[in-house]
Amino acid sequence: MTIGKKFLKELSLESEVTRRYLESVPFDKKAFKPAEKSETLGRLAIHVAEITALTRRTD
């Protein structure tokens, strides 16, 4: 297995964890900020979803 294929396999496994994380985000608390300088929880979740979507386009 090439390094690229190993990387894609790992990325696929990580995307499953990410999907479970996103499903657990309480969007009734989307304005919550983990820290004063942080983005809101809703924006952070969307950012993670965007990154995941970008990796899907490279398959």
Protein backbone atom coordinates (compact mmCIF):
# COMPACT_ATOMS: atom_id res chain seq x y z
CA MET A 1 0.00 0.00 0.00
CA THR A 2 1.40 3.39 -0.96
CA ILE A 3 1.78 6.25 1.49
CA GLY A 4 -0.99 8.11 -0.33
CA LYS A 5 -3.40 5.19 0.04
CA LYS A 6 -2.50 4.83 3.72
CA PHE A 7 -3.16 8.53 4.20
CA LEU A 8 -6.54 8.31 2.46
CA LYS A 9 -7.50 5.31 4.61
CA GLU A 10 -6.59 7.24 7.78
CA LEU A 11 -8.48 10.28 6.52
CA SER A 12 -11.54 8.13 5.91
CA LEU A 13 -11.41 6.78 9.48
CA GLU A 14 -11.02 10.30 10.86
CA SER A 15 -13.98 11.51 8.83
CA GLU A 16 -16.19 8.95 10.60
CA VAL A 17 -15.12 10.36 13.98
CA THR A 18 -15.71 13.88 12.68
CA ARG A 19 -19.20 12.96 11.48
CA ARG A 20 -20.09 11.61 14.93
CA TYR A 21 -18.72 14.79 16.52
CA LEU A 22 -20.80 17.01 14.24
CA GLU A 23 -23.93 14.99 14.97
CA SER A 24 -23.41 15.64 18.70
CA VAL A 25 -23.09 19.43 18.44
CA PRO A 26 -26.04 20.99 20.29
CA PHE A 27 -27.15 23.63 17.79
CA ASP A 28 -29.44 25.18 20.36
CA LYS A 29 -26.17 26.35 21.91
CA LYS A 30 -24.52 27.43 18.66
CA ALA A 31 -23.66 30.88 20.08
CA PHE A 32 -21.47 29.34 22.81
CA LYS A 33 -17.80 30.36 22.65
CA PRO A 34 -15.23 28.00 24.19
CA ALA A 35 -13.01 31.03 24.86
CA GLU A 36 -13.46 34.78 24.51
CA LYS A 37 -11.36 34.98 21.34
CA SER A 38 -12.84 31.80 19.83
CA GLU A 39 -15.40 31.48 17.09
CA THR A 40 -18.84 30.32 18.18
CA LEU A 41 -19.55 26.60 18.54
CA GLY A 42 -21.81 26.74 15.50
CA ARG A 43 -19.13 28.36 13.35
CA LEU A 44 -16.48 25.90 14.55
CA ALA A 45 -18.74 22.97 13.65
CA ILE A 46 -19.38 24.42 10.20
CA HIS A 47 -15.63 24.91 9.73
CA VAL A 48 -14.99 21.24 10.53
CA ALA A 49 -17.75 20.23 8.11
CA GLU A 50 -16.22 22.40 5.37
CA ILE A 51 -12.81 20.79 5.84
CA THR A 52 -14.39 17.34 5.67
CA ALA A 53 -16.23 18.32 2.47
CA LEU A 54 -12.96 19.44 0.90
CA THR A 55 -11.37 16.06 1.58
CA ARG A 56 -14.33 14.29 -0.04
CA ARG A 57 -13.70 16.19 -3.29
CA THR A 58 -10.17 14.79 -3.52
CA ASP A 59 -11.24 11.12 -3.54
